[in-house]
Amino acid sequence: MWESVFFILIYGFIMGAIYLLVALGFSLICGVLRIFHLGYAYIFPLTIYGTWMFMRELGLGLIPSIVGMVLLQCLISFLIYRFLIKKYLDDEMTLLTALLLIALIVEQAASWRYPIQEGVFLDTTLIDGIVQLGSAVIPTQLVIGAFAGLALTAGFVLFFVKSKQGLAIRALSQSIESSRYIGIKVESLYIFMTMIVLIPVIVGMLIVSPVWMIEPAMGWNYMTIAILIAVLGGLGNIKGTIIASFLIGVTHAVMCFVVGEPRFMNLSALVLVMVILVIRPQGLARSETLW
């Protein structure tokens, strides 16, 4: 019994911290832009396949390819804001449909050009080997990913709590009209938010890509996790996102190491979210504030 508890705590912590990288950006988009960004799913495959495209098609090295992928991601995010979010912010159905189509287009393009048989692999391993804690064996790369998730989340918290721009974004998440009235440049902050939410996903995907499976449709699995965490934590609330990430991580660990059915990881997380939302419909934290 104690060994199972130990496994749950260790793997729950590792997965929960990595899930912060998966869900943080989506939660912030929900909190600041006030949209349920279904197109968020495209960022996951584009991080991997965009980097691979620069390596395969242009013959660039890994680092230049990552730089090219980041620039491509920023360009696409700007175009999405400029021609979709800004234009259809008041037309929720059209906006959500358009964002969903973008995610589908990216997935299909990756599947067509680089099918799963292509064997896409990014050698982004920072430290090879394993970490052994008792009978728990964890790839060192995932341990690095977990601490990267904690560090990035802490950086985002400090940014929103301490910096002038972070406080302006918090004000914007409360009221757009009031923010405009006091002179906050709303559109500039919106564009800025569409850029910085890319950081956790890009870092997370590059870290886990040598360990976890890569395939064109992988964005939907990560998107499911991001939605569950954001809804459970309270849409847009970073504090709630942190708590929800570890709850989902522990739930997944229970299914893997106690129940022994990893196929039901997301189903178990969905049941957990539904039960908690019945008790607290607003989620674990207030969705009206980022912190």
Protein backbone atom coordinates (compact mmCIF):
# COMPACT_ATOMS: atom_id res chain seq x y z
CA MET A 1 0.00 0.00 0.00
CA TRP A 2 2.71 2.48 0.98
CA GLU A 3 4.57 1.77 -2.23
CA SER A 4 1.44 2.63 -4.23
CA VAL A 5 1.04 5.88 -2.26
CA PHE A 6 4.70 6.70 -2.94
CA PHE A 7 4.25 6.07 -6.68
CA ILE A 8 1.14 8.24 -6.74
CA LEU A 9 2.89 11.13 -5.00
CA ILE A 10 6.05 10.98 -7.13
CA TYR A 11 4.39 10.51 -10.52
CA GLY A 12 1.49 12.78 -9.57
CA PHE A 13 3.99 15.56 -8.85
CA ILE A 14 5.94 14.98 -12.09
CA MET A 15 2.87 14.84 -14.30
CA GLY A 16 1.12 17.68 -12.49
CA ALA A 17 4.11 19.99 -12.92
CA ILE A 18 4.38 19.13 -16.62
CA TYR A 19 0.64 19.65 -17.03
CA LEU A 20 1.20 23.22 -15.86
CA LEU A 21 3.13 23.77 -19.09
CA VAL A 22 0.24 22.26 -21.03
CA ALA A 23 -2.61 24.21 -19.42
CA LEU A 24 -1.18 27.53 -18.23
CA GLY A 25 -1.43 29.32 -21.58
CA PHE A 26 -4.96 28.11 -22.25
CA SER A 27 -6.10 29.23 -18.80
CA LEU A 28 -4.59 32.68 -19.31
CA ILE A 29 -6.28 33.07 -22.69
CA CYS A 30 -9.60 32.22 -21.06
CA GLY A 31 -8.93 34.70 -18.26
CA VAL A 32 -7.68 37.67 -20.28
CA LEU A 33 -9.16 37.38 -23.76
CA ARG A 34 -12.34 35.77 -22.39
CA ILE A 35 -12.50 33.23 -25.22
CA PHE A 36 -12.50 29.44 -25.14
CA HIS A 37 -9.56 29.13 -27.53
CA LEU A 38 -10.18 25.76 -29.22
CA GLY A 39 -7.42 26.61 -31.67
CA TYR A 40 -4.95 26.27 -28.79
CA ALA A 41 -4.59 22.62 -29.83
CA TYR A 42 -2.56 23.60 -32.92
CA ILE A 43 0.37 24.91 -30.84
CA PHE A 44 1.37 21.41 -29.66
CA PRO A 45 1.94 19.73 -33.04
CA LEU A 46 3.25 22.92 -34.63
CA THR A 47 6.00 23.09 -32.00
CA ILE A 48 7.26 19.64 -32.98
CA TYR A 49 6.47 19.53 -36.68
CA GLY A 50 7.40 23.17 -37.25
CA THR A 51 10.86 22.51 -35.84
CA TRP A 52 11.12 19.31 -37.87
CA MET A 53 10.07 21.19 -41.02
CA PHE A 54 12.95 23.65 -40.70
CA MET A 55 15.36 20.78 -40.06
CA ARG A 56 14.08 18.52 -42.85
CA GLU A 57 13.18 20.97 -45.58
CA LEU A 58 15.83 23.65 -45.03
CA GLY A 59 18.58 21.53 -43.53
CA LEU A 60 18.99 23.77 -40.49
CA GLY A 61 20.42 22.63 -37.18
CA LEU A 62 18.25 22.05 -34.13
CA ILE A 63 18.73 25.45 -32.49
CA PRO A 64 18.13 27.54 -35.68
CA SER A 65 15.10 25.33 -36.39
CA ILE A 66 13.67 26.01 -32.92
CA VAL A 67 14.21 29.75 -33.46
CA GLY A 68 12.44 29.52 -36.81
CA MET A 69 9.57 27.60 -35.25
CA VAL A 70 9.17 30.20 -32.50
CA LEU A 71 9.07 33.03 -35.05
CA LEU A 72 6.52 31.07 -37.10
CA GLN A 73 4.38 30.52 -33.99
CA CYS A 74 4.49 34.24 -33.15
CA LEU A 75 3.51 35.17 -36.71
CA ILE A 76 0.57 32.76 -36.73
CA SER A 77 -0.58 33.97 -33.30
CA PHE A 78 -0.48 37.58 -34.51
CA LEU A 79 -2.45 36.72 -37.66
CA ILE A 80 -5.02 34.80 -35.62
CA TYR A 81 -5.52 37.78 -33.35
CA ARG A 82 -5.54 40.33 -36.18
CA PHE A 83 -7.93 38.55 -38.54
CA LEU A 84 -10.02 36.34 -36.24
CA ILE A 85 -10.05 37.29 -32.57
CA LYS A 86 -10.16 41.03 -33.09
CA LYS A 87 -12.74 40.79 -35.87
CA TYR A 88 -15.07 38.19 -34.36
CA LEU A 89 -14.62 38.74 -30.61
CA ASP A 90 -18.32 39.55 -30.29
CA ASP A 91 -19.38 36.67 -32.54
CA GLU A 92 -18.48 33.76 -30.27
CA MET A 93 -19.76 30.94 -32.47
CA THR A 94 -17.92 32.12 -35.59
CA LEU A 95 -14.73 32.70 -33.61
CA LEU A 96 -14.74 29.29 -31.93
CA THR A 97 -15.46 27.55 -35.23
CA ALA A 98 -12.65 29.40 -37.00
CA LEU A 99 -10.16 28.63 -34.22
CA LEU A 100 -11.14 24.97 -34.25
CA LEU A 101 -10.64 24.84 -38.02
CA ILE A 102 -7.12 26.24 -37.64
CA ALA A 103 -6.21 23.44 -35.24
CA LEU A 104 -7.66 20.87 -37.64
CA ILE A 105 -5.80 22.36 -40.60
CA VAL A 106 -2.46 22.22 -38.75
CA GLU A 107 -3.10 18.62 -37.72
CA GLN A 108 -4.04 17.54 -41.23
CA ALA A 109 -1.09 19.38 -42.79
CA ALA A 110 1.31 17.65 -40.37
CA SER A 111 -0.36 14.29 -41.02
CA TRP A 112 -0.11 14.76 -44.80
CA ARG A 113 3.50 15.97 -44.95
CA TYR A 114 4.90 13.99 -42.03
CA PRO A 115 2.73 10.93 -41.36
CA ILE A 116 3.38 8.89 -38.27
CA GLN A 117 5.52 6.50 -40.33
CA GLU A 118 7.93 9.39 -40.89
CA GLY A 119 9.43 8.75 -37.47
CA VAL A 120 9.74 12.40 -36.43
CA PHE A 121 12.23 12.77 -33.58
CA LEU A 122 13.71 15.89 -32.03
CA ASP A 123 16.87 15.29 -30.05
CA THR A 124 16.10 17.88 -27.39
CA THR A 125 17.32 15.71 -24.52
CA LEU A 126 19.02 17.97 -22.00
CA ILE A 127 20.28 15.24 -19.65
CA ASP A 128 20.08 11.58 -20.61
CA GLY A 129 19.39 8.79 -18.16
CA ILE A 130 16.97 8.13 -15.33
CA VAL A 131 16.32 9.26 -11.77
CA GLN A 132 15.51 6.47 -9.34
CA LEU A 133 13.62 7.28 -6.15
CA GLY A 134 13.12 4.06 -4.27
CA SER A 135 11.38 1.75 -6.74
CA ALA A 136 10.16 4.66 -8.87
CA VAL A 137 12.14 5.11 -12.10
CA ILE A 138 11.66 8.43 -13.92
CA PRO A 139 13.39 9.69 -17.09
CA THR A 140 15.63 12.60 -16.15
CA GLN A 141 14.11 14.58 -19.01
CA LEU A 142 10.69 14.45 -17.34
CA VAL A 143 12.17 15.59 -14.03
CA ILE A 144 13.65 18.56 -15.88
CA GLY A 145 10.24 19.18 -17.46
CA ALA A 146 8.57 19.15 -14.04
CA PHE A 147 10.93 21.74 -12.60
CA ALA A 148 10.65 23.79 -15.80
CA GLY A 149 6.88 23.79 -15.29
CA LEU A 150 7.25 25.02 -11.71
CA ALA A 151 9.83 27.66 -12.67
CA LEU A 152 7.80 29.04 -15.59
CA THR A 153 4.63 29.14 -13.53
CA ALA A 154 6.46 31.00 -10.76
CA GLY A 155 7.76 33.43 -13.37
CA PHE A 156 4.25 34.06 -14.69
CA VAL A 157 2.94 34.61 -11.15
CA LEU A 158 5.68 37.13 -10.38
CA PHE A 159 5.05 38.87 -13.69
CA PHE A 160 1.32 39.29 -13.04
CA VAL A 161 1.74 40.22 -9.38
CA LYS A 162 4.80 42.49 -9.48
CA SER A 163 5.25 44.02 -12.93
CA LYS A 164 3.40 47.09 -14.20
CA GLN A 165 2.42 45.33 -17.43
CA GLY A 166 1.22 42.30 -15.48
CA LEU A 167 -1.00 44.48 -13.30
CA ALA A 168 -2.39 46.12 -16.44
CA ILE A 169 -3.26 42.70 -17.84
CA ARG A 170 -4.99 41.80 -14.56
CA ALA A 171 -7.01 45.00 -14.83
CA LEU A 172 -7.87 44.13 -18.43
CA SER A 173 -9.12 40.70 -17.36
CA GLN A 174 -11.48 42.45 -14.93
CA SER A 175 -12.99 45.00 -17.31
CA ILE A 176 -12.10 46.01 -20.86
CA GLU A 177 -13.99 49.30 -20.76
CA SER A 178 -12.49 50.39 -17.44
CA SER A 179 -9.04 49.51 -18.75
CA ARG A 180 -9.55 51.69 -21.81
CA TYR A 181 -10.85 54.51 -19.62
CA ILE A 182 -7.66 54.65 -17.53
CA GLY A 183 -5.44 54.60 -20.62
CA ILE A 184 -4.41 50.95 -20.88
CA LYS A 185 -3.52 49.95 -24.45
CA VAL A 186 -5.93 47.04 -24.72
CA GLU A 187 -5.01 45.83 -28.20
CA SER A 188 -1.27 45.85 -27.47
CA LEU A 189 -1.85 43.76 -24.34
CA TYR A 190 -4.05 41.33 -26.26
CA ILE A 191 -1.30 40.80 -28.83
CA PHE A 192 1.26 40.45 -26.06
CA MET A 193 -0.86 37.79 -24.36
CA THR A 194 -1.22 35.75 -27.55
CA MET A 195 2.59 35.66 -27.70
CA ILE A 196 3.54 34.84 -24.10
CA VAL A 197 1.03 31.98 -23.79
CA LEU A 198 3.13 30.19 -26.41
CA ILE A 199 6.10 29.94 -24.04
CA PRO A 200 4.88 27.17 -21.68
CA VAL A 201 3.65 24.97 -24.53
CA ILE A 202 6.80 25.36 -26.61
CA VAL A 203 9.07 24.67 -23.64
CA GLY A 204 6.94 21.73 -22.53
CA MET A 205 6.72 20.09 -25.95
CA LEU A 206 10.44 20.42 -26.65
CA ILE A 207 11.25 18.84 -23.28
CA VAL A 208 8.84 15.89 -23.46
CA SER A 209 9.23 15.16 -27.18
CA PRO A 210 12.15 12.70 -26.71
CA VAL A 211 10.12 10.79 -24.09
CA TRP A 212 6.43 10.95 -25.01
CA MET A 213 4.87 9.85 -28.28
CA ILE A 214 4.85 12.22 -31.24
CA GLU A 215 2.05 12.06 -33.82
CA PRO A 216 0.07 14.66 -35.78
CA ALA A 217 -3.11 14.37 -33.66
CA MET A 218 -1.33 14.69 -30.31
CA GLY A 219 -2.63 18.22 -29.83
CA TRP A 220 -6.12 16.98 -28.99
CA ASN A 221 -4.97 14.87 -26.07
CA TYR A 222 -3.04 17.80 -24.62
CA MET A 223 -5.97 20.08 -25.37
CA THR A 224 -8.27 17.78 -23.38
CA ILE A 225 -5.93 18.00 -20.40
CA ALA A 226 -5.70 21.79 -20.73
CA ILE A 227 -9.50 22.17 -20.82
CA LEU A 228 -10.03 19.90 -17.82
CA ILE A 229 -7.43 21.79 -15.78
CA ALA A 230 -8.67 25.24 -16.80
CA VAL A 231 -12.30 24.41 -16.05
CA LEU A 232 -11.48 22.68 -12.77
CA GLY A 233 -9.20 25.47 -11.59
CA GLY A 234 -11.54 28.30 -12.53
CA LEU A 235 -11.08 29.73 -16.03
CA GLY A 236 -8.14 32.12 -16.06
CA ASN A 237 -7.12 31.78 -12.41
CA ILE A 238 -3.43 30.82 -12.13
CA LYS A 239 -3.75 29.69 -8.51
CA GLY A 240 -6.62 27.39 -9.45
CA THR A 241 -4.69 26.15 -12.50
CA ILE A 242 -1.77 25.12 -10.29
CA ILE A 243 -3.99 23.18 -7.88
CA ALA A 244 -5.99 21.59 -10.71
CA SER A 245 -2.82 20.51 -12.56
CA PHE A 246 -1.60 18.50 -9.58
CA LEU A 247 -5.06 17.06 -8.92
CA ILE A 248 -5.22 15.82 -12.51
CA GLY A 249 -1.64 14.57 -12.26
CA VAL A 250 -2.46 12.57 -9.12
CA THR A 251 -5.63 11.21 -10.75
CA HIS A 252 -3.63 10.02 -13.76
CA ALA A 253 -1.03 8.47 -11.45
CA VAL A 254 -3.76 6.55 -9.60
CA MET A 255 -5.13 5.15 -12.86
CA CYS A 256 -1.63 4.11 -14.00
CA PHE A 257 -0.16 2.65 -10.83
CA VAL A 258 -3.13 1.61 -8.69
CA VAL A 259 -5.91 0.74 -11.11
CA GLY A 260 -3.47 -0.24 -13.86
CA GLU A 261 -5.55 1.22 -16.70
CA PRO A 262 -3.69 4.15 -18.32
CA ARG A 263 -6.27 4.12 -21.13
CA PHE A 264 -8.76 5.64 -18.68
CA MET A 265 -6.56 8.50 -17.49
CA ASN A 266 -8.58 11.26 -19.14
CA LEU A 267 -11.88 9.56 -18.32
CA SER A 268 -10.98 9.48 -14.62
CA ALA A 269 -9.93 13.14 -14.77
CA LEU A 270 -13.24 14.02 -16.44
CA VAL A 271 -15.18 12.26 -13.68
CA LEU A 272 -13.15 14.14 -11.06
CA VAL A 273 -13.87 17.48 -12.73
CA MET A 274 -17.59 16.73 -13.01
CA VAL A 275 -17.84 15.76 -9.34
CA ILE A 276 -16.01 18.89 -8.16
CA LEU A 277 -18.03 21.17 -10.46
CA VAL A 278 -21.25 19.77 -9.01
CA ILE A 279 -20.03 20.92 -5.59
CA ARG A 280 -18.30 24.12 -6.79
CA PRO A 281 -19.68 25.20 -10.19
CA GLN A 282 -17.19 28.09 -10.36
CA GLY A 283 -14.21 25.73 -10.06
CA LEU A 284 -11.56 25.64 -7.36
CA ALA A 285 -10.82 29.38 -7.60
CA ARG A 286 -12.59 32.51 -8.76
CA SER A 287 -12.55 32.88 -12.55
CA GLU A 288 -12.96 36.66 -12.23
CA THR A 289 -9.30 37.15 -11.29
CA LEU A 290 -5.95 35.91 -12.59
CA TRP A 291 -4.59 35.35 -9.07
